[in-house]
Protein backbone atom coordinates (compact mmCIF):
# COMPACT_ATOMS: atom_id res chain seq x y z
CA UNK A 1 -70.65 5.00 76.33
CA UNK A 2 -68.47 1.86 76.69
CA UNK A 3 -64.87 2.43 76.53
CA UNK A 4 -62.63 0.97 73.42
CA UNK A 5 -61.39 -1.49 76.46
CA UNK A 6 -64.18 -3.33 76.85
CA UNK A 7 -66.26 -2.75 73.71
CA UNK A 8 -64.29 -5.79 71.95
CA UNK A 9 -65.28 -8.27 74.69
CA UNK A 10 -68.49 -7.14 74.96
CA UNK A 11 -69.02 -6.89 70.78
CA UNK A 12 -67.82 -10.91 71.53
CA UNK A 13 -69.66 -11.78 73.99
CA UNK A 14 -73.04 -10.09 72.36
CA UNK A 15 -72.12 -11.51 69.25
CA UNK A 16 -72.06 -15.43 70.85
CA UNK A 17 -75.40 -14.49 72.66
CA UNK A 18 -77.31 -13.58 69.51
CA UNK A 19 -75.99 -16.47 67.38
CA UNK A 20 -77.06 -18.62 70.89
CA UNK A 21 -80.73 -16.86 70.53
CA UNK A 22 -80.80 -17.20 66.45
CA UNK A 23 -80.12 -21.10 67.48
CA UNK A 24 -82.72 -21.10 70.47
CA UNK A 25 -85.38 -19.88 67.98
CA UNK A 26 -84.89 -22.15 65.54
CA UNK A 27 -88.41 -23.11 65.61
CA UNK A 28 -89.78 -19.66 65.71
CA UNK A 29 -91.54 -18.17 62.16
CA UNK A 30 -88.67 -15.97 59.99
CA UNK A 31 -84.83 -15.85 59.88
CA UNK A 32 -83.06 -14.57 62.52
CA UNK A 33 -81.75 -10.39 62.04
CA UNK A 34 -78.24 -10.41 61.37
CA UNK A 35 -77.31 -6.83 61.05
CA UNK A 36 -77.60 -3.79 63.31
CA UNK A 37 -77.58 -0.18 61.49
CA UNK A 38 -75.62 2.88 62.77
CA UNK A 39 -75.85 6.57 61.24
CA UNK A 40 -72.34 7.80 59.62
CA UNK A 41 -71.77 10.81 57.60
CA UNK A 42 -70.92 11.26 54.01
CA UNK A 43 -67.55 9.79 51.95
CA UNK A 44 -66.77 10.50 48.49
CA UNK A 45 -64.92 7.97 46.04
CA UNK A 46 -62.33 9.16 43.87
CA UNK A 47 -63.11 10.89 40.96
CA UNK A 48 -64.92 10.39 38.30
CA UNK A 49 -67.46 8.68 39.84
CA UNK A 50 -69.29 10.06 43.38
CA UNK A 51 -70.71 8.26 45.96
CA UNK A 52 -72.24 9.01 49.24
CA UNK A 53 -71.71 6.56 52.34
CA UNK A 54 -75.36 6.25 53.43
CA UNK A 55 -75.36 3.65 56.15
CA UNK A 56 -73.17 1.75 58.37
CA UNK A 57 -74.21 -1.53 59.38
CA UNK A 58 -72.41 -3.67 61.83
CA UNK A 59 -72.91 -7.62 61.05
CA UNK A 60 -72.62 -10.59 62.98
CA UNK A 61 -69.57 -12.66 63.18
CA UNK A 62 -68.83 -14.95 60.07
CA UNK A 63 -70.05 -13.18 57.13
CA UNK A 64 -68.17 -13.53 54.35
CA UNK A 65 -69.92 -12.66 50.74
CA UNK A 66 -72.76 -11.04 49.19
CA UNK A 67 -73.97 -10.62 46.09
CA UNK A 68 -77.25 -8.57 44.90
CA UNK A 69 -80.01 -9.97 42.59
CA UNK A 70 -82.99 -8.04 40.67
CA UNK A 71 -84.29 -6.37 43.69
CA UNK A 72 -82.33 -8.52 47.02
CA UNK A 73 -79.44 -8.62 48.82
CA UNK A 74 -77.87 -11.87 49.63
CA UNK A 75 -75.38 -11.73 52.53
CA UNK A 76 -73.39 -15.49 52.99
CA UNK A 77 -72.27 -16.84 56.78
CA UNK A 78 -69.68 -19.13 57.08
CA UNK A 79 -70.40 -21.79 60.14
CA UNK A 80 -68.33 -20.90 62.97
CA UNK A 81 -68.04 -20.72 66.83
CA UNK A 82 -70.22 -18.13 67.09
CA UNK A 83 -72.01 -18.26 63.91
CA UNK A 84 -74.77 -20.77 63.02
CA UNK A 85 -74.16 -20.16 58.98
CA UNK A 86 -76.77 -18.94 56.37
CA UNK A 87 -77.76 -17.71 53.30
CA UNK A 88 -79.69 -14.81 54.13
CA UNK A 89 -81.86 -12.35 51.29
CA UNK A 90 -82.50 -8.78 52.81
CA UNK A 91 -84.25 -5.99 51.31
CA UNK A 92 -81.86 -3.96 49.75
CA UNK A 93 -83.76 -0.67 50.79
CA UNK A 94 -84.50 -1.41 54.24
CA UNK A 95 -81.63 -4.02 54.92
CA UNK A 96 -84.47 -6.13 56.68
CA UNK A 97 -84.28 -9.90 56.48
CA UNK A 98 -86.75 -11.43 54.10
CA UNK A 99 -85.74 -14.69 54.24
CA UNK A 100 -83.41 -17.44 54.74
CA UNK A 101 -82.16 -20.60 52.74
CA UNK A 102 -82.81 -24.03 54.30
CA UNK A 103 -79.92 -26.33 55.55
CA UNK A 104 -76.95 -23.99 54.36
CA UNK A 105 -74.00 -21.76 55.18
CA UNK A 106 -71.50 -20.27 52.76
CA UNK A 107 -68.88 -19.06 51.97
CA UNK A 108 -69.52 -17.83 48.56
CA UNK A 109 -72.80 -16.87 47.00
CA UNK A 110 -73.84 -15.93 43.46
CA UNK A 111 -77.54 -14.50 42.79
CA UNK A 112 -78.85 -14.67 39.01
CA UNK A 113 -82.40 -13.79 38.84
CA UNK A 114 -84.42 -16.02 41.20
CA UNK A 115 -81.49 -18.71 41.64
CA UNK A 116 -79.00 -18.34 44.13
CA UNK A 117 -76.03 -20.45 44.42
CA UNK A 118 -74.31 -21.21 47.72
CA UNK A 119 -70.73 -22.54 47.92
CA UNK A 120 -69.76 -23.94 51.53
CA UNK A 121 -66.29 -24.21 53.58
CA UNK A 122 -66.81 -27.84 53.46
CA UNK A 123 -67.23 -27.89 49.42
CA UNK A 124 -71.20 -28.21 49.09
CA UNK A 125 -72.76 -26.33 46.10
CA UNK A 126 -76.48 -25.57 46.83
CA UNK A 127 -78.83 -23.96 44.43
CA UNK A 128 -81.80 -22.31 45.20
CA UNK A 129 -85.03 -20.94 43.84
CA UNK A 130 -85.64 -17.86 45.75
CA UNK A 131 -88.90 -16.60 43.64
CA UNK A 132 -90.53 -16.55 46.71
CA UNK A 133 -88.16 -14.46 48.97
CA UNK A 134 -89.20 -15.29 52.03
CA UNK A 135 -89.01 -19.44 51.72
CA UNK A 136 -85.92 -20.24 49.35
CA UNK A 137 -86.40 -24.20 47.87
CA UNK A 138 -83.33 -26.11 47.63
CA UNK A 139 -83.22 -27.36 43.80
CA UNK A 140 -79.89 -29.10 43.93
CA UNK A 141 -76.98 -29.90 45.24
CA UNK A 142 -73.57 -31.62 44.90
CA UNK A 143 -69.97 -31.83 46.08
CA UNK A 144 -67.29 -29.45 44.64
CA UNK A 145 -64.84 -30.09 46.88
CA UNK A 146 -61.84 -27.71 46.43
CA UNK A 147 -63.88 -25.08 44.54
CA UNK A 148 -62.17 -21.26 45.02
CA UNK A 149 -64.85 -18.98 43.17
CA UNK A 150 -67.82 -18.81 41.77
CA UNK A 151 -70.51 -17.01 39.61
CA UNK A 152 -73.67 -17.76 37.90
CA UNK A 153 -76.30 -16.21 35.71
CA UNK A 154 -79.00 -17.49 33.95
CA UNK A 155 -77.63 -20.03 31.67
CA UNK A 156 -74.35 -20.98 33.42
CA UNK A 157 -72.69 -22.04 36.90
CA UNK A 158 -69.17 -21.11 36.96
CA UNK A 159 -66.35 -22.40 39.18
CA UNK A 160 -63.14 -21.88 39.94
CA UNK A 161 -60.34 -24.20 40.65
CA UNK A 162 -57.24 -24.54 42.80
CA UNK A 163 -55.08 -25.64 39.64
CA UNK A 164 -56.09 -22.75 37.32
CA UNK A 165 -58.99 -23.66 35.69
CA UNK A 166 -62.92 -23.27 35.70
CA UNK A 167 -65.28 -25.62 34.71
CA UNK A 168 -69.21 -24.62 33.26
CA UNK A 169 -72.23 -26.10 34.62
CA UNK A 170 -75.58 -25.76 32.91
CA UNK A 171 -78.72 -24.77 34.64
CA UNK A 172 -80.61 -26.10 35.83
CA UNK A 173 -77.90 -28.83 36.84
CA UNK A 174 -78.07 -32.14 37.69
CA UNK A 175 -75.71 -33.37 40.21
CA UNK A 176 -74.75 -36.19 37.57
CA UNK A 177 -74.56 -34.12 34.47
CA UNK A 178 -71.09 -33.67 33.00
CA UNK A 179 -69.97 -30.08 32.79
CA UNK A 180 -70.73 -28.15 29.82
CA UNK A 181 -67.20 -26.93 29.36
CA UNK A 182 -63.70 -25.93 30.96
CA UNK A 183 -60.76 -24.05 30.46
CA UNK A 184 -57.62 -23.78 31.83
CA UNK A 185 -56.44 -20.09 33.06
CA UNK A 186 -53.10 -20.69 34.56
CA UNK A 187 -51.59 -22.77 37.06
CA UNK A 188 -52.29 -20.38 40.18
CA UNK A 189 -55.85 -20.65 41.82
CA UNK A 190 -58.66 -18.65 40.38
CA UNK A 191 -59.40 -16.33 43.28
CA UNK A 192 -62.20 -14.49 41.89
CA UNK A 193 -64.98 -14.92 38.80
CA UNK A 194 -67.75 -12.62 37.57
CA UNK A 195 -70.38 -12.84 34.63
CA UNK A 196 -71.71 -10.06 32.90
CA UNK A 197 -73.79 -9.37 29.72
CA UNK A 198 -74.93 -6.78 27.24
CA UNK A 199 -75.31 -6.47 23.59
CA UNK A 200 -72.01 -7.76 22.85
CA UNK A 201 -72.95 -10.76 24.44
CA UNK A 202 -71.77 -12.55 27.84
CA UNK A 203 -68.48 -12.57 29.39
CA UNK A 204 -66.79 -13.83 32.32
CA UNK A 205 -64.13 -12.08 33.91
CA UNK A 206 -61.28 -14.60 35.98
CA UNK A 207 -58.92 -13.52 38.64
CA UNK A 208 -55.87 -15.57 39.14
CA UNK A 209 -53.69 -15.82 42.71
CA UNK A 210 -50.27 -14.30 40.96
CA UNK A 211 -51.50 -12.19 38.99
CA UNK A 212 -52.54 -8.66 38.78
CA UNK A 213 -54.96 -8.96 35.67
CA UNK A 214 -58.55 -9.61 34.39
CA UNK A 215 -58.91 -12.40 32.61
CA UNK A 216 -61.67 -11.81 29.90
CA UNK A 217 -63.47 -14.77 28.55
CA UNK A 218 -66.31 -15.09 25.49
CA UNK A 219 -68.86 -17.47 27.16
CA UNK A 220 -70.69 -17.17 23.69
CA UNK A 221 -68.09 -18.20 21.67
CA UNK A 222 -69.07 -21.33 19.11
CA UNK A 223 -65.99 -23.57 19.88
CA UNK A 224 -66.67 -23.23 23.94
CA UNK A 225 -65.20 -20.41 26.38
CA UNK A 226 -62.58 -18.66 25.47
CA UNK A 227 -60.45 -16.27 26.16
CA UNK A 228 -60.23 -12.96 24.20
CA UNK A 229 -58.23 -10.81 26.46
CA UNK A 230 -55.98 -9.87 29.56
CA UNK A 231 -56.61 -6.50 31.25
CA UNK A 232 -54.02 -4.92 33.83
CA UNK A 233 -55.36 -4.67 37.34
CA UNK A 234 -54.71 -5.07 41.17
CA UNK A 235 -55.02 -8.38 42.27
CA UNK A 236 -58.32 -9.63 42.90
CA UNK A 237 -60.26 -11.52 45.72
CA UNK A 238 -63.84 -10.88 44.56
CA UNK A 239 -65.31 -9.68 41.14
CA UNK A 240 -69.44 -8.50 40.78
CA UNK A 241 -70.48 -7.21 37.49
CA UNK A 242 -73.82 -5.56 37.47
CA UNK A 243 -75.17 -3.62 34.25
CA UNK A 244 -71.83 -1.96 32.71
CA UNK A 245 -69.69 -1.80 35.68
CA UNK A 246 -67.45 -4.37 37.24
CA UNK A 247 -66.41 -4.65 40.64
CA UNK A 248 -63.18 -5.71 41.65
CA UNK A 249 -62.10 -6.05 45.37
CA UNK A 250 -58.18 -5.45 45.46
CA UNK A 251 -56.03 -7.84 47.75
CA UNK A 252 -54.02 -6.06 50.69
CA UNK A 253 -54.34 -2.81 52.12
CA UNK A 254 -52.05 -1.31 49.59
CA UNK A 255 -53.41 -0.07 47.17
CA UNK A 256 -56.27 -2.02 48.24
CA UNK A 257 -59.91 -0.54 48.08
CA UNK A 258 -62.75 -1.27 45.41
CA UNK A 259 -61.80 -0.88 41.74
CA UNK A 260 -64.82 -0.13 39.10
CA UNK A 261 -64.27 -0.83 35.74
CA UNK A 262 -66.34 0.18 32.78
CA UNK A 263 -67.95 -2.32 30.80
CA UNK A 264 -69.33 -0.59 28.19
CA UNK A 265 -67.29 -2.70 26.07
CA UNK A 266 -67.56 -5.68 28.14
CA UNK A 267 -64.88 -7.10 25.88
CA UNK A 268 -62.06 -5.04 27.16
CA UNK A 269 -62.87 -3.30 30.82
CA UNK A 270 -61.66 0.36 31.31
CA UNK A 271 -60.92 1.39 35.19
CA UNK A 272 -63.11 4.01 35.84
CA UNK A 273 -62.44 5.03 39.58
CA UNK A 274 -61.22 3.60 42.93
CA UNK A 275 -63.24 4.00 46.04
CA UNK A 276 -60.04 4.03 48.77
CA UNK A 277 -61.62 0.91 51.57
CA UNK A 278 -59.49 -0.84 53.22
CA UNK A 279 -60.11 -4.34 54.50
CA UNK A 280 -63.00 -4.70 51.72
CA UNK A 281 -64.03 -8.50 51.21
CA UNK A 282 -66.73 -7.73 48.96
CA UNK A 283 -68.72 -5.72 46.81
CA UNK A 284 -72.37 -5.83 44.56
CA UNK A 285 -74.08 -3.16 42.63
CA UNK A 286 -77.62 -2.86 42.59
CA UNK A 287 -78.77 0.30 40.57
CA UNK A 288 -77.68 3.57 42.36
CA UNK A 289 -76.66 1.51 45.55
CA UNK A 290 -73.41 -0.19 46.13
CA UNK A 291 -72.99 -2.64 49.05
CA UNK A 292 -69.69 -3.17 50.46
CA UNK A 293 -68.45 -5.62 52.91
CA UNK A 294 -65.54 -5.17 55.23
CA UNK A 295 -63.61 -5.88 58.27
CA UNK A 296 -64.87 -4.92 61.65
CA UNK A 297 -63.06 -1.15 62.08
CA UNK A 298 -62.46 -2.83 65.98
CA UNK A 299 -60.60 -5.87 64.70
CA UNK A 300 -63.48 -8.21 65.64
CA UNK A 301 -64.19 -11.43 63.74
CA UNK A 302 -67.88 -9.34 62.45
CA UNK A 303 -68.03 -8.03 59.64
CA UNK A 304 -69.27 -4.09 58.81
CA UNK A 305 -71.62 -3.66 55.59
CA UNK A 306 -71.38 -0.36 54.24
CA UNK A 307 -73.81 0.98 51.82
CA UNK A 308 -73.16 3.50 49.32
CA UNK A 309 -75.38 6.08 47.26
CA UNK A 310 -74.32 6.77 43.53
CA UNK A 311 -74.30 10.82 43.27
CA UNK A 312 -73.64 11.06 39.33
């Protein structure tokens, strides 16, 4: 066993070595593995929602975001000194790497059906057709500049901006196509976006940098997207909608953690539970499995992926 004093430098060297190996083997078939599985015991969330923490997975450097599709977990890796960058498609049950999007790194990623969209630190927005999980195909790309947030569903792609507004692009989009709609939400940067739908229609959930609230936007409004409600909520850095649940990753350690909102009425999210998970960067829900990307407990630039199973 390595001592705590030696483990951190060893982990950093190992991360660099693995990144170098991935680059050296770029011509080899199949994407490089980016996760290492470690066993862990059980943990419970605060009532009323109960989850069992079934796996803890240490990731390579630069893991920045994640999203779930119908049968896939997508992880974004930003390019860095020890990180080649990429958008990786994983089996959500075994956590094995299925494929990798070509010529892409990303700090934000969103998934809808077979469409995967990634936004890089340099402002490049790319959409991929991932019907073949092993070989995603680049569909279109455009310069998104200083966009701060990203969401996608089967019909629209939504970008958030530092000036507090959103832009809605119809899918499939053309780089030169005009936005379908735009809406000003405030004067602070848009921190997070999520698209959800149900019997009551399609709604966009947004969080601004200066507010402790969820902004609910009706996407099916005949006159264009319209704000229908503002709900008190922790300041958010990440949002994800899945079925009748909205996941909110709170900014900071106090109170911090991961908040679950009930979307039984999608126009009126209701706080249902909180998982006291400090350092959470992003989360996604797939059926009864909850994936949370957090900072490594050892304080390195690596990330930890926690996999939770819903008990009730």
